[in-house]
């Protein structure tokens, strides 16, 4: 017999965040990009252009593991590579208008799903608690 799952605050929050994350991934559009590519686009969507190494660091992956995703995104016309104006040895990766549109379409679809769930399942006080919790979760997720 196994012990019951832990009930401390960290375990409860981890389970809830993981469950919502799985549900949000399930609510993606049928023609959405794979998670790896979507992660790169999401980072560029939020943070703007960056070097492959900076993107890898932000996504907590090795730069080498991004090589294939970046090449595929560039081939699909969703990102561009340019030489850094300050350090010509560095490349800058940025969203194209098509890349921005693909990401915005995905974000808008999932936001609409979550908004509808929040409006149908939660009262205004509960929605405000979630907005506060979101800010706190963002703080916890920040890199040190």
C-alpha atoms as a PDB file:
ATOM      1  CA  UNK A   1       0.000   0.000   0.000  1.00  0.00           C
ATOM      2  CA  UNK A   2       1.301   3.437  -0.936  1.00  0.00           C
ATOM      3  CA  UNK A   3       0.927   6.486   1.291  1.00  0.00           C
ATOM      4  CA  UNK A   4      -1.561   9.165   0.191  1.00  0.00           C
ATOM      5  CA  UNK A   5      -0.185  12.098  -1.822  1.00  0.00           C
ATOM      6  CA  UNK A   6       1.309  14.888   0.284  1.00  0.00           C
ATOM      7  CA  UNK A   7      -1.118  17.615   1.285  1.00  0.00           C
ATOM      8  CA  UNK A   8       1.358  20.386   2.102  1.00  0.00           C
ATOM      9  CA  UNK A   9       0.966  23.695   0.259  1.00  0.00           C
ATOM     10  CA  UNK A  10       3.787  23.059  -2.216  1.00  0.00           C
ATOM     11  CA  UNK A  11       2.375  19.676  -3.276  1.00  0.00           C
ATOM     12  CA  UNK A  12      -1.154  21.048  -3.623  1.00  0.00           C
ATOM     13  CA  UNK A  13       0.010  23.996  -5.758  1.00  0.00           C
ATOM     14  CA  UNK A  14       2.287  21.759  -7.880  1.00  0.00           C
ATOM     15  CA  UNK A  15      -0.545  19.341  -8.633  1.00  0.00           C
ATOM     16  CA  UNK A  16      -2.977  22.141  -9.504  1.00  0.00           C
ATOM     17  CA  UNK A  17      -0.480  23.943 -11.748  1.00  0.00           C
ATOM     18  CA  UNK A  18       0.435  20.690 -13.515  1.00  0.00           C
ATOM     19  CA  UNK A  19      -3.199  19.732 -14.003  1.00  0.00           C
ATOM     20  CA  UNK A  20      -4.127  23.143 -15.430  1.00  0.00           C
ATOM     21  CA  UNK A  21      -1.030  23.069 -17.636  1.00  0.00           C
ATOM     22  CA  UNK A  22      -2.029  19.673 -19.079  1.00  0.00           C
ATOM     23  CA  UNK A  23      -5.562  20.925 -19.666  1.00  0.00           C
ATOM     24  CA  UNK A  24      -4.328  24.094 -21.373  1.00  0.00           C
ATOM     25  CA  UNK A  25      -2.122  21.988 -23.683  1.00  0.00           C
ATOM     26  CA  UNK A  26      -5.153  19.820 -24.487  1.00  0.00           C
ATOM     27  CA  UNK A  27      -7.109  22.941 -25.478  1.00  0.00           C
ATOM     28  CA  UNK A  28      -4.660  23.867 -28.223  1.00  0.00           C
ATOM     29  CA  UNK A  29      -5.888  24.261 -31.760  1.00  0.00           C
ATOM     30  CA  UNK A  30      -5.736  21.045 -33.827  1.00  0.00           C
ATOM     31  CA  UNK A  31      -3.191  22.549 -36.230  1.00  0.00           C
ATOM     32  CA  UNK A  32      -0.982  24.048 -33.499  1.00  0.00           C
ATOM     33  CA  UNK A  33       2.768  23.758 -33.629  1.00  0.00           C
ATOM     34  CA  UNK A  34       4.547  21.106 -31.518  1.00  0.00           C
ATOM     35  CA  UNK A  35       5.405  22.119 -27.948  1.00  0.00           C
ATOM     36  CA  UNK A  36       9.118  22.674 -28.651  1.00  0.00           C
ATOM     37  CA  UNK A  37       8.470  25.107 -31.477  1.00  0.00           C
ATOM     38  CA  UNK A  38       5.640  26.753 -29.595  1.00  0.00           C
ATOM     39  CA  UNK A  39       7.939  27.286 -26.598  1.00  0.00           C
ATOM     40  CA  UNK A  40      10.432  29.184 -28.760  1.00  0.00           C
ATOM     41  CA  UNK A  41       7.697  31.306 -30.340  1.00  0.00           C
ATOM     42  CA  UNK A  42       6.165  31.988 -26.919  1.00  0.00           C
ATOM     43  CA  UNK A  43       9.494  33.208 -25.566  1.00  0.00           C
ATOM     44  CA  UNK A  44      10.017  35.517 -28.556  1.00  0.00           C
ATOM     45  CA  UNK A  45       6.381  36.676 -28.301  1.00  0.00           C
ATOM     46  CA  UNK A  46       6.884  37.659 -24.642  1.00  0.00           C
ATOM     47  CA  UNK A  47      10.488  38.849 -24.654  1.00  0.00           C
ATOM     48  CA  UNK A  48      11.340  39.949 -28.169  1.00  0.00           C
ATOM     49  CA  UNK A  49      14.362  39.010 -30.254  1.00  0.00           C
ATOM     50  CA  UNK A  50      17.253  37.180 -28.675  1.00  0.00           C
ATOM     51  CA  UNK A  51      20.293  35.066 -29.312  1.00  0.00           C
ATOM     52  CA  UNK A  52      19.938  31.292 -29.534  1.00  0.00           C
ATOM     53  CA  UNK A  53      21.892  30.932 -26.275  1.00  0.00           C
ATOM     54  CA  UNK A  54      19.656  33.450 -24.461  1.00  0.00           C
ATOM     55  CA  UNK A  55      16.546  31.671 -25.733  1.00  0.00           C
ATOM     56  CA  UNK A  56      17.957  28.311 -24.625  1.00  0.00           C
ATOM     57  CA  UNK A  57      18.752  29.697 -21.172  1.00  0.00           C
ATOM     58  CA  UNK A  58      15.252  31.158 -20.808  1.00  0.00           C
ATOM     59  CA  UNK A  59      13.705  27.833 -21.849  1.00  0.00           C
ATOM     60  CA  UNK A  60      16.114  25.842 -19.653  1.00  0.00           C
ATOM     61  CA  UNK A  61      17.394  23.743 -22.555  1.00  0.00           C
ATOM     62  CA  UNK A  62      20.799  23.243 -24.143  1.00  0.00           C
ATOM     63  CA  UNK A  63      21.494  25.535 -27.127  1.00  0.00           C
ATOM     64  CA  UNK A  64      22.204  22.474 -29.272  1.00  0.00           C
ATOM     65  CA  UNK A  65      18.698  21.147 -28.640  1.00  0.00           C
ATOM     66  CA  UNK A  66      17.236  24.348 -30.129  1.00  0.00           C
ATOM     67  CA  UNK A  67      19.124  24.035 -33.402  1.00  0.00           C
ATOM     68  CA  UNK A  68      16.554  21.822 -35.115  1.00  0.00           C
ATOM     69  CA  UNK A  69      13.567  23.804 -33.814  1.00  0.00           C
ATOM     70  CA  UNK A  70      15.073  27.118 -34.906  1.00  0.00           C
ATOM     71  CA  UNK A  71      15.910  25.747 -38.356  1.00  0.00           C
ATOM     72  CA  UNK A  72      12.366  24.400 -38.784  1.00  0.00           C
ATOM     73  CA  UNK A  73      10.790  27.648 -37.566  1.00  0.00           C
ATOM     74  CA  UNK A  74      12.972  29.616 -39.966  1.00  0.00           C
ATOM     75  CA  UNK A  75      12.108  27.257 -42.829  1.00  0.00           C
ATOM     76  CA  UNK A  76       8.404  27.697 -42.013  1.00  0.00           C
ATOM     77  CA  UNK A  77       8.826  31.479 -42.150  1.00  0.00           C
ATOM     78  CA  UNK A  78       7.967  31.955 -38.466  1.00  0.00           C
ATOM     79  CA  UNK A  79      11.330  33.355 -37.309  1.00  0.00           C
ATOM     80  CA  UNK A  80      14.223  35.199 -38.890  1.00  0.00           C
ATOM     81  CA  UNK A  81      17.944  35.106 -38.131  1.00  0.00           C
ATOM     82  CA  UNK A  82      20.015  38.228 -38.442  1.00  0.00           C
ATOM     83  CA  UNK A  83      23.523  39.165 -37.377  1.00  0.00           C
ATOM     84  CA  UNK A  84      23.698  41.106 -34.135  1.00  0.00           C
ATOM     85  CA  UNK A  85      24.475  44.755 -34.886  1.00  0.00           C
ATOM     86  CA  UNK A  86      26.875  45.001 -31.921  1.00  0.00           C
ATOM     87  CA  UNK A  87      28.562  41.594 -32.151  1.00  0.00           C
ATOM     88  CA  UNK A  88      28.498  40.288 -35.707  1.00  0.00           C
ATOM     89  CA  UNK A  89      29.452  36.811 -34.504  1.00  0.00           C
ATOM     90  CA  UNK A  90      26.115  36.507 -32.706  1.00  0.00           C
ATOM     91  CA  UNK A  91      22.778  35.784 -34.319  1.00  0.00           C
ATOM     92  CA  UNK A  92      19.481  37.368 -33.335  1.00  0.00           C
ATOM     93  CA  UNK A  93      16.305  35.352 -33.638  1.00  0.00           C
ATOM     94  CA  UNK A  94      13.032  37.240 -34.012  1.00  0.00           C
ATOM     95  CA  UNK A  95       9.426  36.509 -34.879  1.00  0.00           C
ATOM     96  CA  UNK A  96       8.196  37.202 -38.377  1.00  0.00           C
ATOM     97  CA  UNK A  97       4.680  38.573 -38.835  1.00  0.00           C
ATOM     98  CA  UNK A  98       3.560  34.987 -39.585  1.00  0.00           C
ATOM     99  CA  UNK A  99       5.262  33.763 -36.397  1.00  0.00           C
ATOM    100  CA  UNK A 100       3.605  36.497 -34.368  1.00  0.00           C
ATOM    101  CA  UNK A 101       0.233  35.614 -35.905  1.00  0.00           C
ATOM    102  CA  UNK A 102       0.679  31.879 -35.187  1.00  0.00           C
ATOM    103  CA  UNK A 103       1.534  32.588 -31.569  1.00  0.00           C
ATOM    104  CA  UNK A 104      -1.226  35.166 -31.120  1.00  0.00           C
ATOM    105  CA  UNK A 105      -3.762  32.753 -32.597  1.00  0.00           C
ATOM    106  CA  UNK A 106      -2.712  30.032 -30.149  1.00  0.00           C
ATOM    107  CA  UNK A 107      -2.670  32.404 -27.161  1.00  0.00           C
ATOM    108  CA  UNK A 108      -6.043  33.924 -28.042  1.00  0.00           C
ATOM    109  CA  UNK A 109      -7.638  30.486 -28.434  1.00  0.00           C
ATOM    110  CA  UNK A 110      -6.419  29.217 -25.069  1.00  0.00           C
ATOM    111  CA  UNK A 111      -7.167  32.524 -23.320  1.00  0.00           C
ATOM    112  CA  UNK A 112     -10.738  32.366 -24.650  1.00  0.00           C
ATOM    113  CA  UNK A 113     -11.136  28.824 -23.317  1.00  0.00           C
ATOM    114  CA  UNK A 114      -9.765  29.786 -19.887  1.00  0.00           C
ATOM    115  CA  UNK A 115     -11.791  33.018 -19.765  1.00  0.00           C
ATOM    116  CA  UNK A 116     -15.006  31.099 -20.500  1.00  0.00           C
ATOM    117  CA  UNK A 117     -14.195  28.530 -17.800  1.00  0.00           C
ATOM    118  CA  UNK A 118     -13.384  31.225 -15.251  1.00  0.00           C
ATOM    119  CA  UNK A 119     -16.571  33.149 -16.039  1.00  0.00           C
ATOM    120  CA  UNK A 120     -18.788  30.076 -15.886  1.00  0.00           C
ATOM    121  CA  UNK A 121     -17.196  28.397 -12.855  1.00  0.00           C
ATOM    122  CA  UNK A 122     -15.949  31.222 -10.632  1.00  0.00           C
ATOM    123  CA  UNK A 123     -17.420  34.310  -9.064  1.00  0.00           C
ATOM    124  CA  UNK A 124     -15.681  37.707  -9.227  1.00  0.00           C
ATOM    125  CA  UNK A 125     -13.928  37.234  -5.879  1.00  0.00           C
ATOM    126  CA  UNK A 126     -12.550  33.865  -6.986  1.00  0.00           C
ATOM    127  CA  UNK A 127     -11.386  35.349 -10.288  1.00  0.00           C
ATOM    128  CA  UNK A 128      -9.585  38.109  -8.376  1.00  0.00           C
ATOM    129  CA  UNK A 129      -7.920  35.490  -6.142  1.00  0.00           C
ATOM    130  CA  UNK A 130      -6.686  33.737  -9.300  1.00  0.00           C
ATOM    131  CA  UNK A 131      -5.296  37.006 -10.694  1.00  0.00           C
ATOM    132  CA  UNK A 132      -3.384  37.482  -7.433  1.00  0.00           C
ATOM    133  CA  UNK A 133      -2.226  33.841  -7.474  1.00  0.00           C
ATOM    134  CA  UNK A 134      -1.019  34.272 -11.061  1.00  0.00           C
ATOM    135  CA  UNK A 135       1.218  37.180 -10.023  1.00  0.00           C
ATOM    136  CA  UNK A 136       2.590  35.109  -7.146  1.00  0.00           C
ATOM    137  CA  UNK A 137       3.201  32.096  -9.378  1.00  0.00           C
ATOM    138  CA  UNK A 138       5.046  34.333 -11.838  1.00  0.00           C
ATOM    139  CA  UNK A 139       7.279  35.525  -8.997  1.00  0.00           C
ATOM    140  CA  UNK A 140       8.022  31.946  -7.969  1.00  0.00           C
ATOM    141  CA  UNK A 141       8.839  31.010 -11.571  1.00  0.00           C
ATOM    142  CA  UNK A 142      11.394  33.820 -12.023  1.00  0.00           C
ATOM    143  CA  UNK A 143      15.011  32.815 -12.387  1.00  0.00           C
ATOM    144  CA  UNK A 144      17.204  33.700  -9.425  1.00  0.00           C
END
